[in-house]
Amino acid sequence: VLEEVLGTDNPKSVTGARLKNVINGKTQDVDCHGVFIAIGHKPSTELFADQLEMKQGGYLVTAPDSTATNVAGVYAAGDVTDDKYRQAVTAAGMGCMAALEVERAIAEEE
């Protein structure tokens, strides 16, 4: 586990990370220039159980090359659908896709 982020104050920058082995308690310093913290990769989709199609792990299923779910007018993007990359940058891109798809759907209704 991450025990400490190592760095300098002037200029403020990351120079490494101190990691602790949870089995033997030993620490090790690793050189790096950045640290990304993730709180987990389990999507919070329990709310949609029995309403939206899900795949293993609780990820929502969307149409191919789309963010549309099995329920008309409901779109899903990011961490609730992405069981492959699970990165903020892909979640942001998928959010943009969903917004564009919603915009098109509204325009078609008008």
PDB file of N, CA and C in Angstrom:
ATOM      1  N   VAL A   1       0.842  -1.176   0.000  1.00  0.00           N
ATOM      2  CA  VAL A   1       0.000   0.000   0.000  1.00  0.00           C
ATOM      3  C   VAL A   1       0.889   1.241   0.000  1.00  0.00           C
ATOM      4  N   LEU A   2       0.313   2.349  -0.489  1.00  0.00           N
ATOM      5  CA  LEU A   2       1.047   3.613  -0.488  1.00  0.00           C
ATOM      6  C   LEU A   2       1.160   4.123   0.943  1.00  0.00           C
ATOM      7  N   GLU A   3       2.370   4.316   1.383  1.00  0.00           N
ATOM      8  CA  GLU A   3       2.605   4.826   2.734  1.00  0.00           C
ATOM      9  C   GLU A   3       2.871   6.329   2.705  1.00  0.00           C
ATOM     10  N   GLU A   4       3.586   6.793   1.667  1.00  0.00           N
ATOM     11  CA  GLU A   4       3.940   8.212   1.590  1.00  0.00           C
ATOM     12  C   GLU A   4       4.313   8.566   0.155  1.00  0.00           C
ATOM     13  N   VAL A   5       3.901   9.770  -0.267  1.00  0.00           N
ATOM     14  CA  VAL A   5       4.351  10.316  -1.544  1.00  0.00           C
ATOM     15  C   VAL A   5       5.592  11.143  -1.247  1.00  0.00           C
ATOM     16  N   LEU A   6       6.675  10.872  -1.953  1.00  0.00           N
ATOM     17  CA  LEU A   6       7.940  11.571  -1.735  1.00  0.00           C
ATOM     18  C   LEU A   6       8.089  12.666  -2.776  1.00  0.00           C
ATOM     19  N   GLY A   7       8.721  13.781  -2.391  1.00  0.00           N
ATOM     20  CA  GLY A   7       8.891  14.854  -3.355  1.00  0.00           C
ATOM     21  C   GLY A   7       9.697  16.008  -2.821  1.00  0.00           C
ATOM     22  N   THR A   8       9.720  17.068  -3.611  1.00  0.00           N
ATOM     23  CA  THR A   8      10.440  18.287  -3.253  1.00  0.00           C
ATOM     24  C   THR A   8       9.438  19.422  -3.107  1.00  0.00           C
ATOM     25  N   ASP A   9       9.837  20.451  -2.347  1.00  0.00           N
ATOM     26  CA  ASP A   9       8.962  21.604  -2.147  1.00  0.00           C
ATOM     27  C   ASP A   9       9.202  22.717  -3.154  1.00  0.00           C
ATOM     28  N   ASN A  10      10.437  22.871  -3.614  1.00  0.00           N
ATOM     29  CA  ASN A  10      10.740  23.983  -4.519  1.00  0.00           C
ATOM     30  C   ASN A  10      11.678  23.520  -5.630  1.00  0.00           C
ATOM     31  N   PRO A  11      11.180  23.202  -6.788  1.00  0.00           N
ATOM     32  CA  PRO A  11       9.765  23.248  -7.173  1.00  0.00           C
ATOM     33  C   PRO A  11       9.007  22.051  -6.602  1.00  0.00           C
ATOM     34  N   LYS A  12       7.705  22.253  -6.392  1.00  0.00           N
ATOM     35  CA  LYS A  12       6.868  21.199  -5.828  1.00  0.00           C
ATOM     36  C   LYS A  12       6.702  20.100  -6.880  1.00  0.00           C
ATOM     37  N   SER A  13       7.213  18.923  -6.574  1.00  0.00           N
ATOM     38  CA  SER A  13       7.098  17.816  -7.527  1.00  0.00           C
ATOM     39  C   SER A  13       7.225  16.475  -6.814  1.00  0.00           C
ATOM     40  N   VAL A  14       6.693  15.446  -7.464  1.00  0.00           N
ATOM     41  CA  VAL A  14       6.773  14.083  -6.948  1.00  0.00           C
ATOM     42  C   VAL A  14       8.077  13.463  -7.429  1.00  0.00           C
ATOM     43  N   THR A  15       8.794  12.827  -6.518  1.00  0.00           N
ATOM     44  CA  THR A  15      10.037  12.140  -6.890  1.00  0.00           C
ATOM     45  C   THR A  15       9.970  10.638  -6.622  1.00  0.00           C
ATOM     46  N   GLY A  16       8.974  10.215  -5.869  1.00  0.00           N
ATOM     47  CA  GLY A  16       8.872   8.795  -5.570  1.00  0.00           C
ATOM     48  C   GLY A  16       7.695   8.476  -4.676  1.00  0.00           C
ATOM     49  N   ALA A  17       7.592   7.198  -4.351  1.00  0.00           N
ATOM     50  CA  ALA A  17       6.525   6.731  -3.470  1.00  0.00           C
ATOM     51  C   ALA A  17       7.105   5.704  -2.508  1.00  0.00           C
ATOM     52  N   ARG A  18       6.681   5.782  -1.269  1.00  0.00           N
ATOM     53  CA  ARG A  18       7.082   4.782  -0.274  1.00  0.00           C
ATOM     54  C   ARG A  18       5.926   3.787  -0.169  1.00  0.00           C
ATOM     55  N   LEU A  19       6.230   2.536  -0.488  1.00  0.00           N
ATOM     56  CA  LEU A  19       5.223   1.483  -0.481  1.00  0.00           C
ATOM     57  C   LEU A  19       5.473   0.529   0.673  1.00  0.00           C
ATOM     58  N   LYS A  20       4.386   0.048   1.277  1.00  0.00           N
ATOM     59  CA  LYS A  20       4.508  -0.892   2.390  1.00  0.00           C
ATOM     60  C   LYS A  20       3.901  -2.228   1.986  1.00  0.00           C
ATOM     61  N   ASN A  21       4.667  -3.279   2.160  1.00  0.00           N
ATOM     62  CA  ASN A  21       4.192  -4.628   1.903  1.00  0.00           C
ATOM     63  C   ASN A  21       3.265  -5.014   3.055  1.00  0.00           C
ATOM     64  N   VAL A  22       1.999  -5.301   2.762  1.00  0.00           N
ATOM     65  CA  VAL A  22       1.028  -5.587   3.823  1.00  0.00           C
ATOM     66  C   VAL A  22       1.220  -6.970   4.435  1.00  0.00           C
ATOM     67  N   ILE A  23       2.027  -7.800   3.801  1.00  0.00           N
ATOM     68  CA  ILE A  23       2.272  -9.139   4.339  1.00  0.00           C
ATOM     69  C   ILE A  23       3.414  -9.137   5.344  1.00  0.00           C
ATOM     70  N   ASN A  24       4.548  -8.520   4.959  1.00  0.00           N
ATOM     71  CA  ASN A  24       5.704  -8.563   5.864  1.00  0.00           C
ATOM     72  C   ASN A  24       6.011  -7.227   6.548  1.00  0.00           C
ATOM     73  N   GLY A  25       5.285  -6.169   6.201  1.00  0.00           N
ATOM     74  CA  GLY A  25       5.457  -4.878   6.853  1.00  0.00           C
ATOM     75  C   GLY A  25       6.643  -4.059   6.378  1.00  0.00           C
ATOM     76  N   LYS A  26       7.439  -4.581   5.454  1.00  0.00           N
ATOM     77  CA  LYS A  26       8.616  -3.858   4.963  1.00  0.00           C
ATOM     78  C   LYS A  26       8.198  -2.745   4.014  1.00  0.00           C
ATOM     79  N   THR A  27       8.968  -1.646   4.052  1.00  0.00           N
ATOM     80  CA  THR A  27       8.714  -0.530   3.135  1.00  0.00           C
ATOM     81  C   THR A  27       9.802  -0.490   2.070  1.00  0.00           C
ATOM     82  N   GLN A  28       9.431   0.095   0.931  1.00  0.00           N
ATOM     83  CA  GLN A  28      10.348   0.218  -0.198  1.00  0.00           C
ATOM     84  C   GLN A  28      10.060   1.538  -0.891  1.00  0.00           C
ATOM     85  N   ASP A  29      11.104   2.299  -1.211  1.00  0.00           N
ATOM     86  CA  ASP A  29      10.944   3.539  -1.961  1.00  0.00           C
ATOM     87  C   ASP A  29      11.082   3.244  -3.448  1.00  0.00           C
ATOM     88  N   VAL A  30      10.144   3.771  -4.226  1.00  0.00           N
ATOM     89  CA  VAL A  30      10.134   3.570  -5.673  1.00  0.00           C
ATOM     90  C   VAL A  30      10.208   4.939  -6.337  1.00  0.00           C
ATOM     91  N   ASP A  31      11.158   5.117  -7.262  1.00  0.00           N
ATOM     92  CA  ASP A  31      11.257   6.375  -8.009  1.00  0.00           C
ATOM     93  C   ASP A  31      10.093   6.485  -8.985  1.00  0.00           C
ATOM     94  N   CYS A  32       9.451   7.654  -9.008  1.00  0.00           N
ATOM     95  CA  CYS A  32       8.376   7.910  -9.969  1.00  0.00           C
ATOM     96  C   CYS A  32       8.150   9.418 -10.048  1.00  0.00           C
ATOM     97  N   HIS A  33       7.408   9.848 -11.042  1.00  0.00           N
ATOM     98  CA  HIS A  33       7.140  11.275 -11.240  1.00  0.00           C
ATOM     99  C   HIS A  33       5.668  11.628 -11.031  1.00  0.00           C
ATOM    100  N   GLY A  34       4.871  10.654 -10.637  1.00  0.00           N
ATOM    101  CA  GLY A  34       3.457  10.905 -10.393  1.00  0.00           C
ATOM    102  C   GLY A  34       2.835   9.734  -9.663  1.00  0.00           C
ATOM    103  N   VAL A  35       1.712   9.988  -8.997  1.00  0.00           N
ATOM    104  CA  VAL A  35       0.994   8.955  -8.259  1.00  0.00           C
ATOM    105  C   VAL A  35      -0.489   9.109  -8.570  1.00  0.00           C
ATOM    106  N   PHE A  36      -1.136   8.020  -8.939  1.00  0.00           N
ATOM    107  CA  PHE A  36      -2.570   8.020  -9.202  1.00  0.00           C
ATOM    108  C   PHE A  36      -3.237   7.153  -8.146  1.00  0.00           C
ATOM    109  N   ILE A  37      -4.229   7.703  -7.479  1.00  0.00           N
ATOM    110  CA  ILE A  37      -4.932   6.988  -6.421  1.00  0.00           C
ATOM    111  C   ILE A  37      -6.289   6.548  -6.958  1.00  0.00           C
ATOM    112  N   ALA A  38      -6.617   5.285  -6.790  1.00  0.00           N
ATOM    113  CA  ALA A  38      -7.929   4.767  -7.199  1.00  0.00           C
ATOM    114  C   ALA A  38      -8.624   4.224  -5.958  1.00  0.00           C
ATOM    115  N   ILE A  39      -9.918   4.473  -5.864  1.00  0.00           N
ATOM    116  CA  ILE A  39     -10.652   4.000  -4.693  1.00  0.00           C
ATOM    117  C   ILE A  39     -11.259   2.626  -4.930  1.00  0.00           C
ATOM    118  N   GLY A  40     -11.058   2.080  -6.092  1.00  0.00           N
ATOM    119  CA  GLY A  40     -11.598   0.757  -6.402  1.00  0.00           C
ATOM    120  C   GLY A  40     -12.180   0.727  -7.794  1.00  0.00           C
ATOM    121  N   HIS A  41     -12.507  -0.458  -8.218  1.00  0.00           N
ATOM    122  CA  HIS A  41     -13.016  -0.604  -9.576  1.00  0.00           C
ATOM    123  C   HIS A  41     -14.362  -1.310  -9.612  1.00  0.00           C
ATOM    124  N   LYS A  42     -15.088  -1.284  -8.528  1.00  0.00           N
ATOM    125  CA  LYS A  42     -16.414  -1.891  -8.515  1.00  0.00           C
ATOM    126  C   LYS A  42     -17.430  -0.796  -8.838  1.00  0.00           C
ATOM    127  N   PRO A  43     -18.158  -0.962  -9.954  1.00  0.00           N
ATOM    128  CA  PRO A  43     -19.136   0.073 -10.298  1.00  0.00           C
ATOM    129  C   PRO A  43     -20.299   0.089  -9.303  1.00  0.00           C
ATOM    130  N   SER A  44     -20.784   1.262  -8.996  1.00  0.00           N
ATOM    131  CA  SER A  44     -21.913   1.398  -8.068  1.00  0.00           C
ATOM    132  C   SER A  44     -23.212   1.381  -8.866  1.00  0.00           C
ATOM    133  N   THR A  45     -23.622   0.202  -9.272  1.00  0.00           N
ATOM    134  CA  THR A  45     -24.792   0.070 -10.146  1.00  0.00           C
ATOM    135  C   THR A  45     -25.929  -0.721  -9.508  1.00  0.00           C
ATOM    136  N   GLU A  46     -25.834  -1.031  -8.228  1.00  0.00           N
ATOM    137  CA  GLU A  46     -26.864  -1.826  -7.564  1.00  0.00           C
ATOM    138  C   GLU A  46     -28.251  -1.216  -7.745  1.00  0.00           C
ATOM    139  N   LEU A  47     -28.320   0.098  -7.812  1.00  0.00           N
ATOM    140  CA  LEU A  47     -29.577   0.824  -7.994  1.00  0.00           C
ATOM    141  C   LEU A  47     -30.314   0.370  -9.252  1.00  0.00           C
ATOM    142  N   PHE A  48     -29.574  -0.078 -10.262  1.00  0.00           N
ATOM    143  CA  PHE A  48     -30.166  -0.422 -11.554  1.00  0.00           C
ATOM    144  C   PHE A  48     -30.423  -1.913 -11.740  1.00  0.00           C
ATOM    145  N   ALA A  49     -30.190  -2.709 -10.706  1.00  0.00           N
ATOM    146  CA  ALA A  49     -30.428  -4.151 -10.793  1.00  0.00           C
ATOM    147  C   ALA A  49     -31.872  -4.404 -11.207  1.00  0.00           C
ATOM    148  N   ASP A  50     -32.067  -5.350 -12.095  1.00  0.00           N
ATOM    149  CA  ASP A  50     -33.391  -5.730 -12.612  1.00  0.00           C
ATOM    150  C   ASP A  50     -34.051  -4.627 -13.433  1.00  0.00           C
ATOM    151  N   GLN A  51     -33.297  -3.565 -13.772  1.00  0.00           N
ATOM    152  CA  GLN A  51     -33.836  -2.497 -14.612  1.00  0.00           C
ATOM    153  C   GLN A  51     -33.010  -2.331 -15.883  1.00  0.00           C
ATOM    154  N   LEU A  52     -31.688  -2.334 -15.729  1.00  0.00           N
ATOM    155  CA  LEU A  52     -30.790  -2.201 -16.871  1.00  0.00           C
ATOM    156  C   LEU A  52     -29.979  -3.481 -17.008  1.00  0.00           C
ATOM    157  N   GLU A  53     -29.687  -3.840 -18.265  1.00  0.00           N
ATOM    158  CA  GLU A  53     -28.891  -5.037 -18.509  1.00  0.00           C
ATOM    159  C   GLU A  53     -27.478  -4.833 -17.965  1.00  0.00           C
ATOM    160  N   MET A  54     -26.993  -5.850 -17.256  1.00  0.00           N
ATOM    161  CA  MET A  54     -25.649  -5.795 -16.666  1.00  0.00           C
ATOM    162  C   MET A  54     -24.862  -7.024 -17.076  1.00  0.00           C
ATOM    163  N   LYS A  55     -23.541  -6.848 -17.079  1.00  0.00           N
ATOM    164  CA  LYS A  55     -22.670  -8.002 -17.293  1.00  0.00           C
ATOM    165  C   LYS A  55     -21.983  -8.328 -15.976  1.00  0.00           C
ATOM    166  N   GLN A  56     -21.159  -9.361 -15.996  1.00  0.00           N
ATOM    167  CA  GLN A  56     -20.477  -9.787 -14.776  1.00  0.00           C
ATOM    168  C   GLN A  56     -19.710  -8.622 -14.150  1.00  0.00           C
ATOM    169  N   GLY A  57     -19.762  -8.522 -12.854  1.00  0.00           N
ATOM    170  CA  GLY A  57     -19.074  -7.455 -12.139  1.00  0.00           C
ATOM    171  C   GLY A  57     -19.948  -6.238 -11.907  1.00  0.00           C
ATOM    172  N   GLY A  58     -21.189  -6.257 -12.420  1.00  0.00           N
ATOM    173  CA  GLY A  58     -22.101  -5.138 -12.218  1.00  0.00           C
ATOM    174  C   GLY A  58     -21.975  -4.010 -13.220  1.00  0.00           C
ATOM    175  N   TYR A  59     -21.191  -4.206 -14.281  1.00  0.00           N
ATOM    176  CA  TYR A  59     -21.037  -3.164 -15.300  1.00  0.00           C
ATOM    177  C   TYR A  59     -22.269  -3.133 -16.194  1.00  0.00           C
ATOM    178  N   LEU A  60     -22.736  -1.931 -16.546  1.00  0.00           N
ATOM    179  CA  LEU A  60     -23.903  -1.787 -17.403  1.00  0.00           C
ATOM    180  C   LEU A  60     -23.537  -2.090 -18.847  1.00  0.00           C
ATOM    181  N   VAL A  61     -24.454  -2.747 -19.547  1.00  0.00           N
ATOM    182  CA  VAL A  61     -24.262  -3.090 -20.954  1.00  0.00           C
ATOM    183  C   VAL A  61     -24.808  -1.954 -21.806  1.00  0.00           C
ATOM    184  N   THR A  62     -24.034  -1.545 -22.804  1.00  0.00           N
ATOM    185  CA  THR A  62     -24.482  -0.534 -23.764  1.00  0.00           C
ATOM    186  C   THR A  62     -24.416  -1.126 -25.164  1.00  0.00           C
ATOM    187  N   ALA A  63     -25.147  -0.497 -26.079  1.00  0.00           N
ATOM    188  CA  ALA A  63     -25.138  -0.932 -27.476  1.00  0.00           C
ATOM    189  C   ALA A  63     -23.731  -0.765 -28.042  1.00  0.00           C
ATOM    190  N   PRO A  64     -23.354  -1.577 -29.034  1.00  0.00           N
ATOM    191  CA  PRO A  64     -22.018  -1.436 -29.632  1.00  0.00           C
ATOM    192  C   PRO A  64     -21.774  -0.019 -30.154  1.00  0.00           C
ATOM    193  N   ASP A  65     -20.605   0.529 -29.874  1.00  0.00           N
ATOM    194  CA  ASP A  65     -20.216   1.882 -30.305  1.00  0.00           C
ATOM    195  C   ASP A  65     -21.218   2.942 -29.871  1.00  0.00           C
ATOM    196  N   SER A  66     -21.795   2.772 -28.696  1.00  0.00           N
ATOM    197  CA  SER A  66     -22.822   3.681 -28.198  1.00  0.00           C
ATOM    198  C   SER A  66     -22.807   3.670 -26.674  1.00  0.00           C
ATOM    199  N   THR A  67     -23.505   4.641 -26.092  1.00  0.00           N
ATOM    200  CA  THR A  67     -23.695   4.658 -24.645  1.00  0.00           C
ATOM    201  C   THR A  67     -25.145   4.346 -24.281  1.00  0.00           C
ATOM    202  N   ALA A  68     -25.960   3.986 -25.286  1.00  0.00           N
ATOM    203  CA  ALA A  68     -27.366   3.657 -25.060  1.00  0.00           C
ATOM    204  C   ALA A  68     -27.482   2.313 -24.344  1.00  0.00           C
ATOM    205  N   THR A  69     -28.351   2.262 -23.348  1.00  0.00           N
ATOM    206  CA  THR A  69     -28.600   1.016 -22.619  1.00  0.00           C
ATOM    207  C   THR A  69     -29.792   0.303 -23.247  1.00  0.00           C
ATOM    208  N   ASN A  70     -30.253  -0.770 -22.618  1.00  0.00           N
ATOM    209  CA  ASN A  70     -31.407  -1.510 -23.115  1.00  0.00           C
ATOM    210  C   ASN A  70     -32.732  -0.798 -22.832  1.00  0.00           C
ATOM    211  N   VAL A  71     -32.698   0.314 -22.128  1.00  0.00           N
ATOM    212  CA  VAL A  71     -33.905   1.099 -21.854  1.00  0.00           C
ATOM    213  C   VAL A  71     -33.831   2.389 -22.664  1.00  0.00           C
ATOM    214  N   ALA A  72     -34.842   2.622 -23.492  1.00  0.00           N
ATOM    215  CA  ALA A  72     -34.865   3.813 -24.347  1.00  0.00           C
ATOM    216  C   ALA A  72     -34.712   5.080 -23.516  1.00  0.00           C
ATOM    217  N   GLY A  73     -33.823   5.972 -23.955  1.00  0.00           N
ATOM    218  CA  GLY A  73     -33.617   7.243 -23.278  1.00  0.00           C
ATOM    219  C   GLY A  73     -32.659   7.187 -22.098  1.00  0.00           C
ATOM    220  N   VAL A  74     -32.116   6.014 -21.806  1.00  0.00           N
ATOM    221  CA  VAL A  74     -31.166   5.875 -20.699  1.00  0.00           C
ATOM    222  C   VAL A  74     -29.794   5.560 -21.280  1.00  0.00           C
ATOM    223  N   TYR A  75     -28.821   6.391 -20.933  1.00  0.00           N
ATOM    224  CA  TYR A  75     -27.457   6.257 -21.440  1.00  0.00           C
ATOM    225  C   TYR A  75     -26.513   6.044 -20.258  1.00  0.00           C
ATOM    226  N   ALA A  76     -25.443   5.329 -20.494  1.00  0.00           N
ATOM    227  CA  ALA A  76     -24.473   5.058 -19.427  1.00  0.00           C
ATOM    228  C   ALA A  76     -23.067   5.245 -19.973  1.00  0.00           C
ATOM    229  N   ALA A  77     -22.174   5.752 -19.126  1.00  0.00           N
ATOM    230  CA  ALA A  77     -20.802   6.011 -19.574  1.00  0.00           C
ATOM    231  C   ALA A  77     -19.842   5.919 -18.399  1.00  0.00           C
ATOM    232  N   GLY A  78     -18.586   5.751 -18.727  1.00  0.00           N
ATOM    233  CA  GLY A  78     -17.529   5.811 -17.724  1.00  0.00           C
ATOM    234  C   GLY A  78     -17.423   4.575 -16.867  1.00  0.00           C
ATOM    235  N   ASP A  79     -17.190   4.788 -15.584  1.00  0.00           N
ATOM    236  CA  ASP A  79     -16.878   3.701 -14.658  1.00  0.00           C
ATOM    237  C   ASP A  79     -17.978   2.649 -14.535  1.00  0.00           C
ATOM    238  N   VAL A  80     -19.223   2.992 -14.839  1.00  0.00           N
ATOM    239  CA  VAL A  80     -20.298   2.006 -14.722  1.00  0.00           C
ATOM    240  C   VAL A  80     -20.379   1.089 -15.935  1.00  0.00           C
ATOM    241  N   THR A  81     -19.667   1.420 -17.012  1.00  0.00           N
ATOM    242  CA  THR A  81     -19.699   0.588 -18.214  1.00  0.00           C
ATOM    243  C   THR A  81     -18.341   0.025 -18.600  1.00  0.00           C
ATOM    244  N   ASP A  82     -17.278   0.674 -18.208  1.00  0.00           N
ATOM    245  CA  ASP A  82     -15.934   0.340 -18.691  1.00  0.00           C
ATOM    246  C   ASP A  82     -15.228  -0.669 -17.792  1.00  0.00           C
ATOM    247  N   ASP A  83     -15.273  -1.937 -18.188  1.00  0.00           N
ATOM    248  CA  ASP A  83     -14.580  -2.968 -17.415  1.00  0.00           C
ATOM    249  C   ASP A  83     -13.219  -3.316 -18.008  1.00  0.00           C
ATOM    250  N   LYS A  84     -12.801  -2.563 -19.024  1.00  0.00           N
ATOM    251  CA  LYS A  84     -11.528  -2.849 -19.683  1.00  0.00           C
ATOM    252  C   LYS A  84     -10.445  -1.840 -19.307  1.00  0.00           C
ATOM    253  N   TYR A  85     -10.666  -0.563 -19.598  1.00  0.00           N
ATOM    254  CA  TYR A  85      -9.625   0.453 -19.380  1.00  0.00           C
ATOM    255  C   TYR A  85      -9.683   1.060 -17.985  1.00  0.00           C
ATOM    256  N   ARG A  86     -10.875   1.380 -17.504  1.00  0.00           N
ATOM    257  CA  ARG A  86     -11.100   1.926 -16.163  1.00  0.00           C
ATOM    258  C   ARG A  86     -10.186   3.106 -15.837  1.00  0.00           C
ATOM    259  N   GLN A  87     -10.177   4.078 -16.714  1.00  0.00           N
ATOM    260  CA  GLN A  87      -9.339   5.265 -16.550  1.00  0.00           C
ATOM    261  C   GLN A  87     -10.210   6.516 -16.644  1.00  0.00           C
ATOM    262  N   ALA A  88      -9.805   7.570 -15.954  1.00  0.00           N
ATOM    263  CA  ALA A  88     -10.556   8.827 -15.969  1.00  0.00           C
ATOM    264  C   ALA A  88     -10.664   9.389 -17.377  1.00  0.00           C
ATOM    265  N   VAL A  89      -9.605   9.287 -18.160  1.00  0.00           N
ATOM    266  CA  VAL A  89      -9.623   9.858 -19.504  1.00  0.00           C
ATOM    267  C   VAL A  89     -10.634   9.135 -20.394  1.00  0.00           C
ATOM    268  N   THR A  90     -10.768   7.816 -20.268  1.00  0.00           N
ATOM    269  CA  THR A  90     -11.763   7.117 -21.077  1.00  0.00           C
ATOM    270  C   THR A  90     -13.169   7.413 -20.561  1.00  0.00           C
ATOM    271  N   ALA A  91     -13.320   7.570 -19.253  1.00  0.00           N
ATOM    272  CA  ALA A  91     -14.626   7.930 -18.692  1.00  0.00           C
ATOM    273  C   ALA A  91     -15.069   9.293 -19.208  1.00  0.00           C
ATOM    274  N   ALA A  92     -14.142  10.244 -19.281  1.00  0.00           N
ATOM    275  CA  ALA A  92     -14.474  11.580 -19.795  1.00  0.00           C
ATOM    276  C   ALA A  92     -14.896  11.502 -21.254  1.00  0.00           C
ATOM    277  N   GLY A  93     -14.178  10.724 -22.042  1.00  0.00           N
ATOM    278  CA  GLY A  93     -14.534  10.558 -23.449  1.00  0.00           C
ATOM    279  C   GLY A  93     -15.902   9.926 -23.611  1.00  0.00           C
ATOM    280  N   MET A  94     -16.191   8.918 -22.792  1.00  0.00           N
ATOM    281  CA  MET A  94     -17.498   8.270 -22.854  1.00  0.00           C
ATOM    282  C   MET A  94     -18.602   9.222 -22.405  1.00  0.00           C
ATOM    283  N   GLY A  95     -18.303  10.080 -21.450  1.00  0.00           N
ATOM    284  CA  GLY A  95     -19.277  11.088 -21.027  1.00  0.00           C
ATOM    285  C   GLY A  95     -19.620  12.025 -22.163  1.00  0.00           C
ATOM    286  N   CYS A  96     -18.618  12.401 -22.938  1.00  0.00           N
ATOM    287  CA  CYS A  96     -18.838  13.241 -24.115  1.00  0.00           C
ATOM    288  C   CYS A  96     -19.698  12.504 -25.137  1.00  0.00           C
ATOM    289  N   MET A  97     -19.408  11.223 -25.352  1.00  0.00           N
ATOM    290  CA  MET A  97     -20.214  10.412 -26.276  1.00  0.00           C
ATOM    291  C   MET A  97     -21.675  10.401 -25.837  1.00  0.00           C
ATOM    292  N   ALA A  98     -21.906  10.185 -24.554  1.00  0.00           N
ATOM    293  CA  ALA A  98     -23.271  10.134 -24.034  1.00  0.00           C
ATOM    294  C   ALA A  98     -23.982  11.466 -24.243  1.00  0.00           C
ATOM    295  N   ALA A  99     -23.289  12.568 -23.972  1.00  0.00           N
ATOM    296  CA  ALA A  99     -23.891  13.896 -24.158  1.00  0.00           C
ATOM    297  C   ALA A  99     -24.281  14.119 -25.614  1.00  0.00           C
ATOM    298  N   LEU A 100     -23.416  13.731 -26.538  1.00  0.00           N
ATOM    299  CA  LEU A 100     -23.718  13.889 -27.964  1.00  0.00           C
ATOM    300  C   LEU A 100     -24.887  13.007 -28.382  1.00  0.00           C
ATOM    301  N   GLU A 101     -24.948  11.793 -27.863  1.00  0.00           N
ATOM    302  CA  GLU A 101     -26.061  10.899 -28.194  1.00  0.00           C
ATOM    303  C   GLU A 101     -27.384  11.426 -27.643  1.00  0.00           C
ATOM    304  N   VAL A 102     -27.371  11.961 -26.437  1.00  0.00           N
ATOM    305  CA  VAL A 102     -28.582  12.549 -25.856  1.00  0.00           C
ATOM    306  C   VAL A 102     -29.018  13.751 -26.683  1.00  0.00           C
ATOM    307  N   GLU A 103     -28.060  14.597 -27.066  1.00  0.00           N
ATOM    308  CA  GLU A 103     -28.370  15.770 -27.887  1.00  0.00           C
ATOM    309  C   GLU A 103     -29.030  15.352 -29.200  1.00  0.00           C
ATOM    310  N   ARG A 104     -28.500  14.327 -29.848  1.00  0.00           N
ATOM    311  CA  ARG A 104     -29.085  13.837 -31.109  1.00  0.00           C
ATOM    312  C   ARG A 104     -30.485  13.282 -30.880  1.00  0.00           C
ATOM    313  N   ALA A 105     -30.669  12.539 -29.804  1.00  0.00           N
ATOM    314  CA  ALA A 105     -31.977  11.958 -29.512  1.00  0.00           C
ATOM    315  C   ALA A 105     -33.021  13.044 -29.284  1.00  0.00           C
ATOM    316  N   ILE A 106     -32.650  14.095 -28.569  1.00  0.00           N
ATOM    317  CA  ILE A 106     -33.575  15.213 -28.332  1.00  0.00           C
ATOM    318  C   ILE A 106     -33.892  15.921 -29.638  1.00  0.00           C
ATOM    319  N   ALA A 107     -32.886  16.149 -30.471  1.00  0.00           N
ATOM    320  CA  ALA A 107     -33.093  16.822 -31.759  1.00  0.00           C
ATOM    321  C   ALA A 107     -34.027  16.013 -32.653  1.00  0.00           C
ATOM    322  N   GLU A 108     -33.929  14.698 -32.617  1.00  0.00           N
ATOM    323  CA  GLU A 108     -34.797  13.841 -33.431  1.00  0.00           C
ATOM    324  C   GLU A 108     -36.239  13.886 -32.957  1.00  0.00           C
ATOM    325  N   GLU A 109     -36.458  14.134 -31.671  1.00  0.00           N
ATOM    326  CA  GLU A 109     -37.813  14.205 -31.124  1.00  0.00           C
ATOM    327  C   GLU A 109     -38.502  15.518 -31.449  1.00  0.00           C
ATOM    328  N   GLU A 110     -37.725  16.558 -31.725  1.00  0.00           N
ATOM    329  CA  GLU A 110     -38.308  17.890 -31.955  1.00  0.00           C
ATOM    330  C   GLU A 110     -38.880  18.030 -33.336  1.00  0.00           C
TER     331      GLU A 110
END
